[in-house]
């Protein structure tokens, strides 16, 4: 299944970035009016701030549970489509910005996905790479830092993908940048979007499947909140 906005996926909208509410019941029932959702989100935010208690996402990340729960979700909903072509993972670290509560969890997911891939490459500006390195020590050899500049990291990732000579390669890109439409003709292209509000429309249309990373986080948090078991890494 896909979470997102393409012809093969379901769109889950986000609200305020501090709580990033997603009502998973939207898959079965009509979506509430956006103003209603925003009012609920604002009310919850005010209540959390007044109490001084950490939000669910903060607590889960602090406990080290969020990354494991996200991986459990991806075990049930594999990122790569079925096939015989090699699995390629491209990670745009510049697009993966997140609050500290979610950053470590996202890096845990990237590390796990890289282990599954036949070819994996990470790239980003020096600041993003430096922030990722403590979490991705095992991936240093395939992590590339670039100078500040438009699309430099994207071109590193594209060059690495195009260097894999294989028909029907299955590519998963963690990015929102439209430049990756170049890979759509090489085989199934899955986009793991760090946030659908910033996803390139042309990439959304070209992708075989779009997965909303924020929705995966919320699904994992809901599962953890309900006390369901998940498989650790």
C-alpha atoms as a PDB file:
ATOM      1  CA  UNK A   1       0.000   0.000   0.000  1.00  0.00           C
ATOM      2  CA  UNK A   2       1.125   3.584  -0.399  1.00  0.00           C
ATOM      3  CA  UNK A   3       0.575   6.670   1.603  1.00  0.00           C
ATOM      4  CA  UNK A   4       0.768   9.798  -0.446  1.00  0.00           C
ATOM      5  CA  UNK A   5      -0.791  11.432  -3.453  1.00  0.00           C
ATOM      6  CA  UNK A   6      -0.189   9.341  -6.572  1.00  0.00           C
ATOM      7  CA  UNK A   7      -2.586   7.203  -8.505  1.00  0.00           C
ATOM      8  CA  UNK A   8      -1.503   4.165  -6.460  1.00  0.00           C
ATOM      9  CA  UNK A   9      -1.509   5.758  -3.057  1.00  0.00           C
ATOM     10  CA  UNK A  10      -3.696   7.397  -0.451  1.00  0.00           C
ATOM     11  CA  UNK A  11      -3.098  11.008   0.553  1.00  0.00           C
ATOM     12  CA  UNK A  12      -2.829  11.790   4.235  1.00  0.00           C
ATOM     13  CA  UNK A  13      -2.612  15.510   4.920  1.00  0.00           C
ATOM     14  CA  UNK A  14      -0.553  17.007   7.708  1.00  0.00           C
ATOM     15  CA  UNK A  15      -1.410  19.855   9.963  1.00  0.00           C
ATOM     16  CA  UNK A  16       0.820  21.811  12.293  1.00  0.00           C
ATOM     17  CA  UNK A  17       4.494  20.733  12.109  1.00  0.00           C
ATOM     18  CA  UNK A  18       4.941  20.497  15.865  1.00  0.00           C
ATOM     19  CA  UNK A  19       2.377  17.702  16.302  1.00  0.00           C
ATOM     20  CA  UNK A  20       1.891  16.525  12.698  1.00  0.00           C
ATOM     21  CA  UNK A  21      -1.520  14.979  13.398  1.00  0.00           C
ATOM     22  CA  UNK A  22      -2.719  12.280  11.029  1.00  0.00           C
ATOM     23  CA  UNK A  23      -6.059  10.526  11.567  1.00  0.00           C
ATOM     24  CA  UNK A  24      -5.565   7.013  10.209  1.00  0.00           C
ATOM     25  CA  UNK A  25      -9.321   6.458  10.210  1.00  0.00           C
ATOM     26  CA  UNK A  26      -9.396   8.553   7.041  1.00  0.00           C
ATOM     27  CA  UNK A  27      -8.667   5.361   5.181  1.00  0.00           C
ATOM     28  CA  UNK A  28     -12.193   4.191   6.001  1.00  0.00           C
ATOM     29  CA  UNK A  29     -14.303   7.268   6.755  1.00  0.00           C
ATOM     30  CA  UNK A  30     -14.721  10.781   5.308  1.00  0.00           C
ATOM     31  CA  UNK A  31     -11.978  13.245   6.147  1.00  0.00           C
ATOM     32  CA  UNK A  32     -12.971  15.969   8.661  1.00  0.00           C
ATOM     33  CA  UNK A  33     -12.907  19.548   7.474  1.00  0.00           C
ATOM     34  CA  UNK A  34      -9.331  21.003   7.663  1.00  0.00           C
ATOM     35  CA  UNK A  35     -10.447  23.716  10.083  1.00  0.00           C
ATOM     36  CA  UNK A  36     -11.742  21.049  12.463  1.00  0.00           C
ATOM     37  CA  UNK A  37      -8.455  19.173  12.350  1.00  0.00           C
ATOM     38  CA  UNK A  38      -6.453  22.347  12.918  1.00  0.00           C
ATOM     39  CA  UNK A  39      -8.600  23.299  15.871  1.00  0.00           C
ATOM     40  CA  UNK A  40      -8.050  19.891  17.448  1.00  0.00           C
ATOM     41  CA  UNK A  41      -4.308  20.066  16.807  1.00  0.00           C
ATOM     42  CA  UNK A  42      -4.033  23.571  18.275  1.00  0.00           C
ATOM     43  CA  UNK A  43      -6.031  22.517  21.321  1.00  0.00           C
ATOM     44  CA  UNK A  44      -3.788  19.492  21.919  1.00  0.00           C
ATOM     45  CA  UNK A  45      -0.681  21.640  21.464  1.00  0.00           C
ATOM     46  CA  UNK A  46      -1.889  24.152  24.043  1.00  0.00           C
ATOM     47  CA  UNK A  47      -2.748  21.389  26.505  1.00  0.00           C
ATOM     48  CA  UNK A  48       0.678  19.776  26.119  1.00  0.00           C
ATOM     49  CA  UNK A  49       2.463  23.088  26.574  1.00  0.00           C
ATOM     50  CA  UNK A  50       0.409  23.929  29.639  1.00  0.00           C
ATOM     51  CA  UNK A  51       1.177  20.623  31.318  1.00  0.00           C
ATOM     52  CA  UNK A  52       4.879  20.673  30.418  1.00  0.00           C
ATOM     53  CA  UNK A  53       4.617  17.012  29.426  1.00  0.00           C
ATOM     54  CA  UNK A  54       6.417  15.797  26.293  1.00  0.00           C
ATOM     55  CA  UNK A  55       4.299  14.899  23.295  1.00  0.00           C
ATOM     56  CA  UNK A  56       3.836  11.303  22.213  1.00  0.00           C
ATOM     57  CA  UNK A  57       6.397  11.632  19.433  1.00  0.00           C
ATOM     58  CA  UNK A  58       8.968  13.154  21.806  1.00  0.00           C
ATOM     59  CA  UNK A  59       8.446  10.435  24.398  1.00  0.00           C
ATOM     60  CA  UNK A  60       8.602   7.612  21.865  1.00  0.00           C
ATOM     61  CA  UNK A  61      11.817   8.971  20.372  1.00  0.00           C
ATOM     62  CA  UNK A  62      13.317   9.484  23.818  1.00  0.00           C
ATOM     63  CA  UNK A  63      12.533   5.881  24.690  1.00  0.00           C
ATOM     64  CA  UNK A  64      14.068   4.673  21.439  1.00  0.00           C
ATOM     65  CA  UNK A  65      10.763   3.157  20.333  1.00  0.00           C
ATOM     66  CA  UNK A  66       9.794   5.303  17.361  1.00  0.00           C
ATOM     67  CA  UNK A  67      12.475   4.052  14.989  1.00  0.00           C
ATOM     68  CA  UNK A  68      11.732   0.416  15.819  1.00  0.00           C
ATOM     69  CA  UNK A  69       7.993   0.981  15.376  1.00  0.00           C
ATOM     70  CA  UNK A  70       8.565   2.662  11.995  1.00  0.00           C
ATOM     71  CA  UNK A  71      10.692  -0.278  10.884  1.00  0.00           C
ATOM     72  CA  UNK A  72       7.939  -2.647  11.991  1.00  0.00           C
ATOM     73  CA  UNK A  73       5.475  -0.690   9.839  1.00  0.00           C
ATOM     74  CA  UNK A  74       7.826  -0.944   6.849  1.00  0.00           C
ATOM     75  CA  UNK A  75       8.179  -4.675   7.413  1.00  0.00           C
ATOM     76  CA  UNK A  76       4.437  -4.963   6.940  1.00  0.00           C
ATOM     77  CA  UNK A  77       4.418  -2.540   3.986  1.00  0.00           C
ATOM     78  CA  UNK A  78       7.739  -3.058   2.116  1.00  0.00           C
ATOM     79  CA  UNK A  79       9.157   0.025   0.450  1.00  0.00           C
ATOM     80  CA  UNK A  80      10.360  -1.736  -2.704  1.00  0.00           C
ATOM     81  CA  UNK A  81       7.853  -3.340  -5.013  1.00  0.00           C
ATOM     82  CA  UNK A  82       8.207  -7.028  -5.788  1.00  0.00           C
ATOM     83  CA  UNK A  83      10.523  -7.927  -8.626  1.00  0.00           C
ATOM     84  CA  UNK A  84      13.877  -9.323  -9.606  1.00  0.00           C
ATOM     85  CA  UNK A  85      15.725  -6.082 -10.322  1.00  0.00           C
ATOM     86  CA  UNK A  86      18.292  -4.756  -7.836  1.00  0.00           C
ATOM     87  CA  UNK A  87      17.012  -2.579  -4.994  1.00  0.00           C
ATOM     88  CA  UNK A  88      18.544   0.906  -5.017  1.00  0.00           C
ATOM     89  CA  UNK A  89      18.238   3.307  -2.089  1.00  0.00           C
ATOM     90  CA  UNK A  90      18.982   7.025  -2.543  1.00  0.00           C
ATOM     91  CA  UNK A  91      18.861   9.232   0.552  1.00  0.00           C
ATOM     92  CA  UNK A  92      18.824  13.009   0.286  1.00  0.00           C
ATOM     93  CA  UNK A  93      19.916  14.009   3.789  1.00  0.00           C
ATOM     94  CA  UNK A  94      19.151  17.669   3.080  1.00  0.00           C
ATOM     95  CA  UNK A  95      15.460  16.741   2.754  1.00  0.00           C
ATOM     96  CA  UNK A  96      15.346  14.680   5.932  1.00  0.00           C
ATOM     97  CA  UNK A  97      15.434  17.610   8.357  1.00  0.00           C
ATOM     98  CA  UNK A  98      13.438  16.935  11.506  1.00  0.00           C
ATOM     99  CA  UNK A  99      13.214  17.946  15.142  1.00  0.00           C
ATOM    100  CA  UNK A 100      15.570  16.026  17.451  1.00  0.00           C
ATOM    101  CA  UNK A 101      12.658  13.883  18.625  1.00  0.00           C
ATOM    102  CA  UNK A 102      12.320  12.370  15.153  1.00  0.00           C
ATOM    103  CA  UNK A 103      15.792  12.721  13.656  1.00  0.00           C
ATOM    104  CA  UNK A 104      17.362   9.693  15.373  1.00  0.00           C
ATOM    105  CA  UNK A 105      14.348   7.560  14.464  1.00  0.00           C
ATOM    106  CA  UNK A 106      14.600   8.564  10.816  1.00  0.00           C
ATOM    107  CA  UNK A 107      18.292   7.727  10.792  1.00  0.00           C
ATOM    108  CA  UNK A 108      17.520   4.335  12.309  1.00  0.00           C
ATOM    109  CA  UNK A 109      15.096   3.683   9.463  1.00  0.00           C
ATOM    110  CA  UNK A 110      17.670   4.783   6.863  1.00  0.00           C
ATOM    111  CA  UNK A 111      20.265   2.434   8.331  1.00  0.00           C
ATOM    112  CA  UNK A 112      17.800  -0.468   8.226  1.00  0.00           C
ATOM    113  CA  UNK A 113      16.751   0.274   4.645  1.00  0.00           C
ATOM    114  CA  UNK A 114      20.391   0.504   3.560  1.00  0.00           C
ATOM    115  CA  UNK A 115      20.973  -2.996   4.886  1.00  0.00           C
ATOM    116  CA  UNK A 116      18.137  -4.291   2.702  1.00  0.00           C
ATOM    117  CA  UNK A 117      19.245  -2.486  -0.456  1.00  0.00           C
ATOM    118  CA  UNK A 118      21.568  -3.951  -3.058  1.00  0.00           C
ATOM    119  CA  UNK A 119      22.957  -0.456  -3.680  1.00  0.00           C
ATOM    120  CA  UNK A 120      22.630   2.473  -1.258  1.00  0.00           C
ATOM    121  CA  UNK A 121      23.960   6.027  -1.428  1.00  0.00           C
ATOM    122  CA  UNK A 122      23.467   8.963   0.946  1.00  0.00           C
ATOM    123  CA  UNK A 123      24.338  12.571   0.151  1.00  0.00           C
ATOM    124  CA  UNK A 124      23.815  16.011   1.606  1.00  0.00           C
ATOM    125  CA  UNK A 125      25.486  19.272   2.478  1.00  0.00           C
ATOM    126  CA  UNK A 126      28.238  19.169   5.084  1.00  0.00           C
ATOM    127  CA  UNK A 127      25.941  20.161   7.954  1.00  0.00           C
ATOM    128  CA  UNK A 128      23.380  17.471   7.215  1.00  0.00           C
ATOM    129  CA  UNK A 129      26.058  14.808   6.813  1.00  0.00           C
ATOM    130  CA  UNK A 130      27.748  15.828  10.064  1.00  0.00           C
ATOM    131  CA  UNK A 131      24.438  15.563  11.889  1.00  0.00           C
ATOM    132  CA  UNK A 132      23.778  12.123  10.404  1.00  0.00           C
ATOM    133  CA  UNK A 133      27.213  10.615  10.947  1.00  0.00           C
ATOM    134  CA  UNK A 134      26.812   9.673  14.634  1.00  0.00           C
ATOM    135  CA  UNK A 135      23.782   7.592  13.671  1.00  0.00           C
ATOM    136  CA  UNK A 136      25.172   6.143  10.437  1.00  0.00           C
ATOM    137  CA  UNK A 137      28.729   5.142  11.294  1.00  0.00           C
ATOM    138  CA  UNK A 138      28.371   1.928   9.300  1.00  0.00           C
ATOM    139  CA  UNK A 139      27.408   3.890   6.199  1.00  0.00           C
ATOM    140  CA  UNK A 140      30.258   6.401   6.107  1.00  0.00           C
ATOM    141  CA  UNK A 141      31.736   4.865   2.978  1.00  0.00           C
ATOM    142  CA  UNK A 142      28.519   5.502   1.031  1.00  0.00           C
ATOM    143  CA  UNK A 143      27.699   8.907   2.562  1.00  0.00           C
ATOM    144  CA  UNK A 144      28.871  11.913   0.535  1.00  0.00           C
ATOM    145  CA  UNK A 145      29.138  15.501   1.759  1.00  0.00           C
ATOM    146  CA  UNK A 146      28.837  18.283  -0.799  1.00  0.00           C
ATOM    147  CA  UNK A 147      29.329  22.025  -0.685  1.00  0.00           C
ATOM    148  CA  UNK A 148      26.344  24.336  -0.449  1.00  0.00           C
ATOM    149  CA  UNK A 149      24.747  24.680  -3.825  1.00  0.00           C
ATOM    150  CA  UNK A 150      21.646  23.871  -5.782  1.00  0.00           C
ATOM    151  CA  UNK A 151      21.152  20.158  -6.534  1.00  0.00           C
ATOM    152  CA  UNK A 152      24.739  19.090  -5.774  1.00  0.00           C
ATOM    153  CA  UNK A 153      23.647  16.253  -3.486  1.00  0.00           C
ATOM    154  CA  UNK A 154      20.912  15.285  -5.949  1.00  0.00           C
ATOM    155  CA  UNK A 155      23.441  14.875  -8.745  1.00  0.00           C
ATOM    156  CA  UNK A 156      25.635  12.651  -6.558  1.00  0.00           C
ATOM    157  CA  UNK A 157      22.633  10.412  -5.937  1.00  0.00           C
ATOM    158  CA  UNK A 158      21.544  10.409  -9.574  1.00  0.00           C
ATOM    159  CA  UNK A 159      25.023   9.547 -10.794  1.00  0.00           C
ATOM    160  CA  UNK A 160      25.209   6.643  -8.344  1.00  0.00           C
ATOM    161  CA  UNK A 161      21.831   5.308  -9.443  1.00  0.00           C
ATOM    162  CA  UNK A 162      22.624   5.608 -13.138  1.00  0.00           C
ATOM    163  CA  UNK A 163      25.910   3.772 -12.575  1.00  0.00           C
ATOM    164  CA  UNK A 164      23.912   0.651 -11.681  1.00  0.00           C
ATOM    165  CA  UNK A 165      23.400  -1.007 -15.050  1.00  0.00           C
ATOM    166  CA  UNK A 166      20.410  -3.268 -14.661  1.00  0.00           C
ATOM    167  CA  UNK A 167      17.020  -3.569 -16.343  1.00  0.00           C
ATOM    168  CA  UNK A 168      14.005  -2.913 -14.179  1.00  0.00           C
ATOM    169  CA  UNK A 169      16.009  -1.630 -11.217  1.00  0.00           C
ATOM    170  CA  UNK A 170      13.751  -0.951  -8.231  1.00  0.00           C
ATOM    171  CA  UNK A 171      14.640   2.469  -6.875  1.00  0.00           C
ATOM    172  CA  UNK A 172      13.536   4.055  -3.610  1.00  0.00           C
ATOM    173  CA  UNK A 173      14.312   7.748  -3.171  1.00  0.00           C
ATOM    174  CA  UNK A 174      14.042   9.592   0.132  1.00  0.00           C
ATOM    175  CA  UNK A 175      13.592  13.116  -1.148  1.00  0.00           C
ATOM    176  CA  UNK A 176      11.062  15.661  -2.385  1.00  0.00           C
ATOM    177  CA  UNK A 177      13.119  17.022  -5.278  1.00  0.00           C
ATOM    178  CA  UNK A 178      11.692  16.931  -8.791  1.00  0.00           C
ATOM    179  CA  UNK A 179      15.052  16.163 -10.382  1.00  0.00           C
ATOM    180  CA  UNK A 180      14.577  12.479  -9.524  1.00  0.00           C
ATOM    181  CA  UNK A 181      11.916  12.083 -12.233  1.00  0.00           C
ATOM    182  CA  UNK A 182      14.909  11.128 -14.385  1.00  0.00           C
ATOM    183  CA  UNK A 183      14.813   7.709 -12.727  1.00  0.00           C
ATOM    184  CA  UNK A 184      11.167   6.967 -13.484  1.00  0.00           C
ATOM    185  CA  UNK A 185      11.898   5.271 -16.811  1.00  0.00           C
ATOM    186  CA  UNK A 186      14.427   2.807 -15.409  1.00  0.00           C
ATOM    187  CA  UNK A 187      11.951   0.723 -13.437  1.00  0.00           C
ATOM    188  CA  UNK A 188       9.610   1.102 -10.464  1.00  0.00           C
ATOM    189  CA  UNK A 189      10.324   4.323  -8.574  1.00  0.00           C
ATOM    190  CA  UNK A 190       9.146   4.668  -4.973  1.00  0.00           C
ATOM    191  CA  UNK A 191       9.385   8.066  -3.310  1.00  0.00           C
ATOM    192  CA  UNK A 192       9.561   8.167   0.476  1.00  0.00           C
ATOM    193  CA  UNK A 193       8.593  11.788   0.976  1.00  0.00           C
ATOM    194  CA  UNK A 194       9.840  13.527   4.143  1.00  0.00           C
ATOM    195  CA  UNK A 195       6.735  15.732   3.889  1.00  0.00           C
ATOM    196  CA  UNK A 196       4.066  15.810   1.192  1.00  0.00           C
ATOM    197  CA  UNK A 197       3.611  19.570   1.491  1.00  0.00           C
ATOM    198  CA  UNK A 198       7.074  20.029  -0.065  1.00  0.00           C
ATOM    199  CA  UNK A 199       6.936  17.158  -2.565  1.00  0.00           C
ATOM    200  CA  UNK A 200       7.550  18.129  -6.191  1.00  0.00           C
ATOM    201  CA  UNK A 201       4.350  17.688  -8.169  1.00  0.00           C
ATOM    202  CA  UNK A 202       6.202  16.301 -11.180  1.00  0.00           C
ATOM    203  CA  UNK A 203       7.931  13.743  -8.953  1.00  0.00           C
ATOM    204  CA  UNK A 204       4.582  12.811  -7.396  1.00  0.00           C
ATOM    205  CA  UNK A 205       3.151  12.159 -10.864  1.00  0.00           C
ATOM    206  CA  UNK A 206       6.195  10.278 -12.194  1.00  0.00           C
ATOM    207  CA  UNK A 207       6.613   7.967  -9.196  1.00  0.00           C
ATOM    208  CA  UNK A 208       5.132   4.498  -9.230  1.00  0.00           C
ATOM    209  CA  UNK A 209       4.359   4.933  -5.559  1.00  0.00           C
ATOM    210  CA  UNK A 210       4.622   7.656  -2.924  1.00  0.00           C
ATOM    211  CA  UNK A 211       4.972   6.945   0.789  1.00  0.00           C
ATOM    212  CA  UNK A 212       4.548   9.764   3.294  1.00  0.00           C
ATOM    213  CA  UNK A 213       7.298   9.395   5.918  1.00  0.00           C
ATOM    214  CA  UNK A 214       5.355  11.550   8.363  1.00  0.00           C
ATOM    215  CA  UNK A 215       2.323   9.286   7.972  1.00  0.00           C
ATOM    216  CA  UNK A 216       4.550   6.255   8.642  1.00  0.00           C
ATOM    217  CA  UNK A 217       5.718   7.959  11.838  1.00  0.00           C
ATOM    218  CA  UNK A 218       2.143   8.618  12.905  1.00  0.00           C
ATOM    219  CA  UNK A 219       1.067   5.069  12.079  1.00  0.00           C
ATOM    220  CA  UNK A 220       3.959   3.747  14.161  1.00  0.00           C
ATOM    221  CA  UNK A 221       3.084   6.051  17.053  1.00  0.00           C
ATOM    222  CA  UNK A 222      -0.559   5.006  16.930  1.00  0.00           C
ATOM    223  CA  UNK A 223       0.432   1.352  16.966  1.00  0.00           C
ATOM    224  CA  UNK A 224       2.762   1.932  19.920  1.00  0.00           C
ATOM    225  CA  UNK A 225       0.090   3.948  21.747  1.00  0.00           C
ATOM    226  CA  UNK A 226      -2.355   1.081  21.358  1.00  0.00           C
ATOM    227  CA  UNK A 227       0.177  -1.255  22.959  1.00  0.00           C
ATOM    228  CA  UNK A 228       0.674  -3.501  19.941  1.00  0.00           C
ATOM    229  CA  UNK A 229       3.862  -5.488  19.586  1.00  0.00           C
ATOM    230  CA  UNK A 230       6.400  -4.640  16.925  1.00  0.00           C
ATOM    231  CA  UNK A 231       9.491  -6.423  15.771  1.00  0.00           C
ATOM    232  CA  UNK A 232      12.732  -4.707  16.802  1.00  0.00           C
ATOM    233  CA  UNK A 233      15.664  -4.429  14.463  1.00  0.00           C
END
